[in-house]
């Protein structure tokens, strides 16, 4: 396999099949993902101001019972990645806005 020199310290190389089996899921995805997102779902990366990404992903996963969506925490950027159908995405983004508030 030919190699290409990396020009950046922050280069990420992903080698995976698009149809990963449950055994090959990334650990953070298997901890914070709810049911699989529907066909035609879109992605949103939502940066958080006050809430911790992993905690909010856990709350969302428990709250989205019955909604076909996937929520994954990205602690490095303190963001959550949401995959859902457009009609569900609006509800999920509204819920995130209500939960990502400053604690007094």
N, C-alpha and C. Protein backbone atom coordinates (compact mmCIF):
# COMPACT_ATOMS: atom_id res chain seq x y z
N UNK A 1 0.85 -1.17 0.00
CA UNK A 1 0.00 0.00 0.00
C UNK A 1 0.90 1.24 0.00
N UNK A 2 0.69 2.18 -0.94
CA UNK A 2 1.53 3.39 -0.97
C UNK A 2 1.20 4.29 0.21
N UNK A 3 2.21 5.04 0.63
CA UNK A 3 2.00 5.96 1.74
C UNK A 3 2.11 7.39 1.26
N UNK A 4 1.41 8.27 1.95
CA UNK A 4 1.45 9.70 1.65
C UNK A 4 1.91 10.41 2.91
N UNK A 5 2.89 11.29 2.80
CA UNK A 5 3.35 11.99 4.01
C UNK A 5 2.26 12.90 4.56
N UNK A 6 2.17 12.94 5.87
CA UNK A 6 1.22 13.83 6.54
C UNK A 6 1.81 15.21 6.64
N UNK A 7 1.05 16.22 6.27
CA UNK A 7 1.51 17.59 6.34
C UNK A 7 1.03 18.30 7.60
N UNK A 8 0.24 17.61 8.40
CA UNK A 8 -0.31 18.22 9.60
C UNK A 8 -0.17 17.25 10.76
N UNK A 9 0.08 17.79 11.91
CA UNK A 9 0.16 16.98 13.12
C UNK A 9 -1.20 16.38 13.45
N UNK A 10 -2.28 17.06 13.03
CA UNK A 10 -3.62 16.64 13.38
C UNK A 10 -4.34 15.93 12.24
N UNK A 11 -3.66 15.07 11.53
CA UNK A 11 -4.27 14.30 10.45
C UNK A 11 -4.86 13.03 11.03
N UNK A 12 -6.06 12.72 10.64
CA UNK A 12 -6.73 11.50 11.11
C UNK A 12 -6.96 10.61 9.90
N UNK A 13 -6.57 9.36 10.01
CA UNK A 13 -6.76 8.39 8.95
C UNK A 13 -7.80 7.39 9.42
N UNK A 14 -8.89 7.27 8.67
CA UNK A 14 -9.94 6.33 9.00
C UNK A 14 -9.97 5.23 7.96
N UNK A 15 -9.84 4.01 8.41
CA UNK A 15 -9.94 2.86 7.53
C UNK A 15 -11.02 1.96 8.11
N UNK A 16 -12.19 1.99 7.51
CA UNK A 16 -13.29 1.19 8.02
C UNK A 16 -14.30 0.95 6.93
N UNK A 17 -15.08 -0.06 7.13
CA UNK A 17 -16.17 -0.36 6.23
C UNK A 17 -17.35 0.54 6.57
N UNK A 18 -18.12 0.92 5.58
CA UNK A 18 -19.30 1.75 5.82
C UNK A 18 -20.35 0.99 6.61
N UNK A 19 -20.39 -0.30 6.47
CA UNK A 19 -21.39 -1.11 7.17
C UNK A 19 -20.71 -1.83 8.32
N UNK A 20 -20.35 -1.11 9.36
CA UNK A 20 -19.69 -1.70 10.51
C UNK A 20 -20.67 -2.55 11.30
N UNK A 21 -20.17 -3.65 11.79
CA UNK A 21 -21.01 -4.51 12.60
C UNK A 21 -21.05 -3.97 14.02
N UNK A 22 -22.02 -4.41 14.85
CA UNK A 22 -22.09 -3.92 16.23
C UNK A 22 -20.80 -4.18 17.00
N UNK A 23 -20.07 -5.23 16.64
CA UNK A 23 -18.83 -5.55 17.35
C UNK A 23 -17.73 -4.54 17.06
N UNK A 24 -17.84 -3.79 15.94
CA UNK A 24 -16.77 -2.89 15.56
C UNK A 24 -17.12 -1.43 15.79
N UNK A 25 -18.18 -1.15 16.53
CA UNK A 25 -18.54 0.23 16.82
C UNK A 25 -17.47 0.89 17.67
N UNK A 26 -17.29 2.17 17.48
CA UNK A 26 -16.38 2.93 18.32
C UNK A 26 -16.92 2.93 19.74
N UNK A 27 -16.04 2.84 20.77
CA UNK A 27 -16.53 2.80 22.15
C UNK A 27 -17.41 3.97 22.53
N UNK A 28 -17.07 5.20 22.14
CA UNK A 28 -17.89 6.34 22.54
C UNK A 28 -19.25 6.30 21.87
N UNK A 29 -19.32 5.74 20.67
CA UNK A 29 -20.62 5.65 20.00
C UNK A 29 -21.51 4.64 20.69
N UNK A 30 -20.96 3.47 21.06
CA UNK A 30 -21.80 2.46 21.67
C UNK A 30 -22.29 2.88 23.05
N UNK A 31 -21.56 3.78 23.74
CA UNK A 31 -22.00 4.24 25.05
C UNK A 31 -23.10 5.28 24.95
N UNK A 32 -23.07 6.14 23.90
CA UNK A 32 -23.98 7.27 23.91
C UNK A 32 -24.92 7.31 22.71
N UNK A 33 -25.05 6.23 22.00
CA UNK A 33 -25.93 6.23 20.83
C UNK A 33 -27.28 5.62 21.19
N UNK A 34 -28.33 6.25 20.71
CA UNK A 34 -29.64 5.65 20.86
C UNK A 34 -29.89 4.79 19.63
N UNK A 35 -31.13 4.53 19.29
CA UNK A 35 -31.44 3.67 18.15
C UNK A 35 -30.85 4.25 16.87
N UNK A 36 -30.75 3.40 15.87
CA UNK A 36 -30.15 3.84 14.61
C UNK A 36 -31.01 4.91 13.95
N UNK A 37 -30.35 5.87 13.33
CA UNK A 37 -31.05 6.96 12.66
C UNK A 37 -31.70 6.43 11.38
N UNK A 38 -32.80 7.02 10.96
CA UNK A 38 -33.52 6.56 9.78
C UNK A 38 -32.80 6.91 8.49
N UNK A 39 -33.22 6.27 7.43
CA UNK A 39 -32.71 6.57 6.09
C UNK A 39 -32.97 8.03 5.77
N UNK A 40 -32.02 8.71 5.18
CA UNK A 40 -32.20 10.11 4.81
C UNK A 40 -31.97 11.08 5.95
N UNK A 41 -31.46 10.59 7.07
CA UNK A 41 -31.23 11.46 8.23
C UNK A 41 -30.07 12.41 7.95
N UNK A 42 -30.10 13.54 8.62
CA UNK A 42 -29.00 14.51 8.47
C UNK A 42 -28.20 14.56 9.77
N UNK A 43 -27.01 15.15 9.67
CA UNK A 43 -26.13 15.30 10.83
C UNK A 43 -26.09 16.75 11.26
N UNK A 44 -25.97 16.98 12.55
CA UNK A 44 -25.72 18.31 13.11
C UNK A 44 -24.66 18.15 14.17
N UNK A 45 -23.66 19.01 14.15
CA UNK A 45 -22.67 19.08 15.23
C UNK A 45 -23.07 20.29 16.06
N UNK A 46 -23.37 20.05 17.33
CA UNK A 46 -23.89 21.11 18.19
C UNK A 46 -22.86 21.40 19.29
N UNK A 47 -22.15 22.54 19.18
CA UNK A 47 -21.22 22.91 20.24
C UNK A 47 -21.99 23.35 21.48
N UNK A 48 -21.50 22.94 22.64
CA UNK A 48 -22.19 23.25 23.89
C UNK A 48 -21.44 24.34 24.64
N UNK A 49 -22.18 25.21 25.28
CA UNK A 49 -21.56 26.31 26.04
C UNK A 49 -21.42 25.95 27.52
N UNK A 50 -22.40 25.27 28.09
CA UNK A 50 -22.41 25.05 29.53
C UNK A 50 -22.42 23.56 29.91
N UNK A 51 -23.14 22.75 29.21
CA UNK A 51 -23.25 21.34 29.54
C UNK A 51 -22.02 20.57 29.08
N UNK A 52 -21.71 19.49 29.78
CA UNK A 52 -20.63 18.58 29.37
C UNK A 52 -21.19 17.64 28.30
N UNK A 53 -20.44 17.47 27.23
CA UNK A 53 -20.92 16.71 26.07
C UNK A 53 -21.37 15.30 26.42
N UNK A 54 -20.56 14.55 27.17
CA UNK A 54 -20.91 13.17 27.48
C UNK A 54 -22.16 13.10 28.35
N UNK A 55 -22.27 14.00 29.33
CA UNK A 55 -23.45 14.01 30.20
C UNK A 55 -24.71 14.34 29.40
N UNK A 56 -24.63 15.34 28.53
CA UNK A 56 -25.80 15.72 27.73
C UNK A 56 -26.17 14.60 26.75
N UNK A 57 -25.17 13.95 26.16
CA UNK A 57 -25.46 12.84 25.24
C UNK A 57 -26.19 11.72 25.98
N UNK A 58 -25.78 11.45 27.20
CA UNK A 58 -26.45 10.41 28.00
C UNK A 58 -27.90 10.79 28.29
N UNK A 59 -28.13 12.05 28.67
CA UNK A 59 -29.49 12.52 28.96
C UNK A 59 -30.35 12.44 27.69
N UNK A 60 -29.79 12.90 26.57
CA UNK A 60 -30.55 12.87 25.31
C UNK A 60 -30.88 11.44 24.91
N UNK A 61 -29.92 10.55 25.04
CA UNK A 61 -30.16 9.15 24.65
C UNK A 61 -31.32 8.57 25.44
N UNK A 62 -31.37 8.86 26.74
CA UNK A 62 -32.48 8.36 27.57
C UNK A 62 -33.79 9.07 27.24
N UNK A 63 -33.72 10.32 26.80
CA UNK A 63 -34.92 11.12 26.54
C UNK A 63 -35.53 10.85 25.17
N UNK A 64 -34.77 10.30 24.25
CA UNK A 64 -35.24 10.13 22.88
C UNK A 64 -35.91 8.79 22.64
N UNK A 65 -36.48 8.22 23.66
CA UNK A 65 -37.15 6.94 23.52
C UNK A 65 -38.26 7.05 22.48
N UNK A 66 -38.23 6.19 21.48
CA UNK A 66 -39.24 6.20 20.43
C UNK A 66 -38.88 7.06 19.23
N UNK A 67 -37.79 7.84 19.31
CA UNK A 67 -37.34 8.64 18.18
C UNK A 67 -36.09 7.97 17.61
N UNK A 68 -36.11 7.73 16.30
CA UNK A 68 -34.96 7.11 15.64
C UNK A 68 -33.89 8.17 15.42
N UNK A 69 -32.94 8.22 16.34
CA UNK A 69 -31.87 9.21 16.27
C UNK A 69 -30.62 8.64 16.90
N UNK A 70 -29.50 9.23 16.55
CA UNK A 70 -28.22 8.83 17.12
C UNK A 70 -27.57 10.08 17.70
N UNK A 71 -27.08 9.97 18.93
CA UNK A 71 -26.40 11.09 19.59
C UNK A 71 -25.06 10.58 20.09
N UNK A 72 -23.99 11.27 19.69
CA UNK A 72 -22.64 10.88 20.09
C UNK A 72 -21.94 12.10 20.67
N UNK A 73 -21.29 11.92 21.81
CA UNK A 73 -20.54 13.00 22.44
C UNK A 73 -19.16 13.13 21.82
N UNK A 74 -18.70 14.37 21.67
CA UNK A 74 -17.32 14.65 21.28
C UNK A 74 -16.73 15.51 22.40
N UNK A 75 -16.17 14.87 23.44
CA UNK A 75 -15.65 15.61 24.58
C UNK A 75 -14.51 16.57 24.20
N UNK A 76 -13.76 16.26 23.17
CA UNK A 76 -12.63 17.10 22.76
C UNK A 76 -13.09 18.51 22.41
N UNK A 77 -14.23 18.62 21.73
CA UNK A 77 -14.76 19.94 21.33
C UNK A 77 -15.97 20.34 22.18
N UNK A 78 -16.31 19.52 23.16
CA UNK A 78 -17.51 19.70 23.98
C UNK A 78 -18.73 19.94 23.09
N UNK A 79 -18.92 19.02 22.15
CA UNK A 79 -20.05 19.06 21.22
C UNK A 79 -20.77 17.73 21.25
N UNK A 80 -22.01 17.74 20.77
CA UNK A 80 -22.72 16.50 20.51
C UNK A 80 -23.01 16.43 19.02
N UNK A 81 -22.89 15.25 18.49
CA UNK A 81 -23.18 15.00 17.08
C UNK A 81 -24.52 14.28 17.04
N UNK A 82 -25.47 14.86 16.33
CA UNK A 82 -26.83 14.31 16.27
C UNK A 82 -27.12 13.89 14.85
N UNK A 83 -27.65 12.69 14.69
CA UNK A 83 -28.12 12.21 13.39
C UNK A 83 -29.58 11.84 13.56
N UNK A 84 -30.45 12.50 12.77
CA UNK A 84 -31.88 12.26 12.89
C UNK A 84 -32.59 12.73 11.64
N UNK A 85 -33.82 12.30 11.48
CA UNK A 85 -34.66 12.77 10.39
C UNK A 85 -34.94 14.26 10.61
N UNK A 86 -35.15 15.02 9.54
CA UNK A 86 -35.37 16.47 9.68
C UNK A 86 -36.48 16.83 10.65
N UNK A 87 -37.57 16.11 10.65
CA UNK A 87 -38.68 16.44 11.56
C UNK A 87 -38.32 16.19 13.02
N UNK A 88 -37.43 15.23 13.29
CA UNK A 88 -36.99 14.97 14.65
C UNK A 88 -35.83 15.88 15.05
N UNK A 89 -35.02 16.28 14.08
CA UNK A 89 -33.85 17.11 14.37
C UNK A 89 -34.26 18.42 15.04
N UNK A 90 -35.34 19.03 14.57
CA UNK A 90 -35.82 20.29 15.15
C UNK A 90 -36.14 20.11 16.63
N UNK A 91 -36.84 19.04 16.97
CA UNK A 91 -37.19 18.76 18.37
C UNK A 91 -35.94 18.53 19.22
N UNK A 92 -34.99 17.79 18.67
CA UNK A 92 -33.77 17.48 19.42
C UNK A 92 -32.94 18.74 19.64
N UNK A 93 -32.83 19.60 18.63
CA UNK A 93 -32.06 20.85 18.78
C UNK A 93 -32.72 21.77 19.80
N UNK A 94 -34.05 21.81 19.83
CA UNK A 94 -34.76 22.60 20.83
C UNK A 94 -34.50 22.07 22.24
N UNK A 95 -34.48 20.75 22.38
CA UNK A 95 -34.20 20.14 23.68
C UNK A 95 -32.77 20.45 24.13
N UNK A 96 -31.82 20.38 23.21
CA UNK A 96 -30.43 20.71 23.55
C UNK A 96 -30.33 22.16 24.02
N UNK A 97 -31.00 23.07 23.34
CA UNK A 97 -30.97 24.48 23.73
C UNK A 97 -31.54 24.69 25.13
N UNK A 98 -32.56 23.92 25.47
CA UNK A 98 -33.17 24.05 26.80
C UNK A 98 -32.31 23.45 27.90
N UNK A 99 -31.48 22.45 27.54
CA UNK A 99 -30.64 21.79 28.54
C UNK A 99 -29.27 22.44 28.68
N UNK A 100 -28.77 23.06 27.63
CA UNK A 100 -27.44 23.68 27.65
C UNK A 100 -27.54 25.09 28.21
N UNK A 101 -27.80 25.18 29.50
CA UNK A 101 -27.98 26.48 30.16
C UNK A 101 -26.99 26.61 31.32
N UNK A 102 -26.68 27.83 31.65
CA UNK A 102 -25.77 28.11 32.76
C UNK A 102 -26.43 27.69 34.08
N UNK A 103 -25.68 26.99 34.92
CA UNK A 103 -26.18 26.60 36.23
C UNK A 103 -25.92 27.70 37.22
N UNK A 104 -26.90 28.00 38.06
CA UNK A 104 -26.74 29.07 39.05
C UNK A 104 -26.26 28.54 40.37
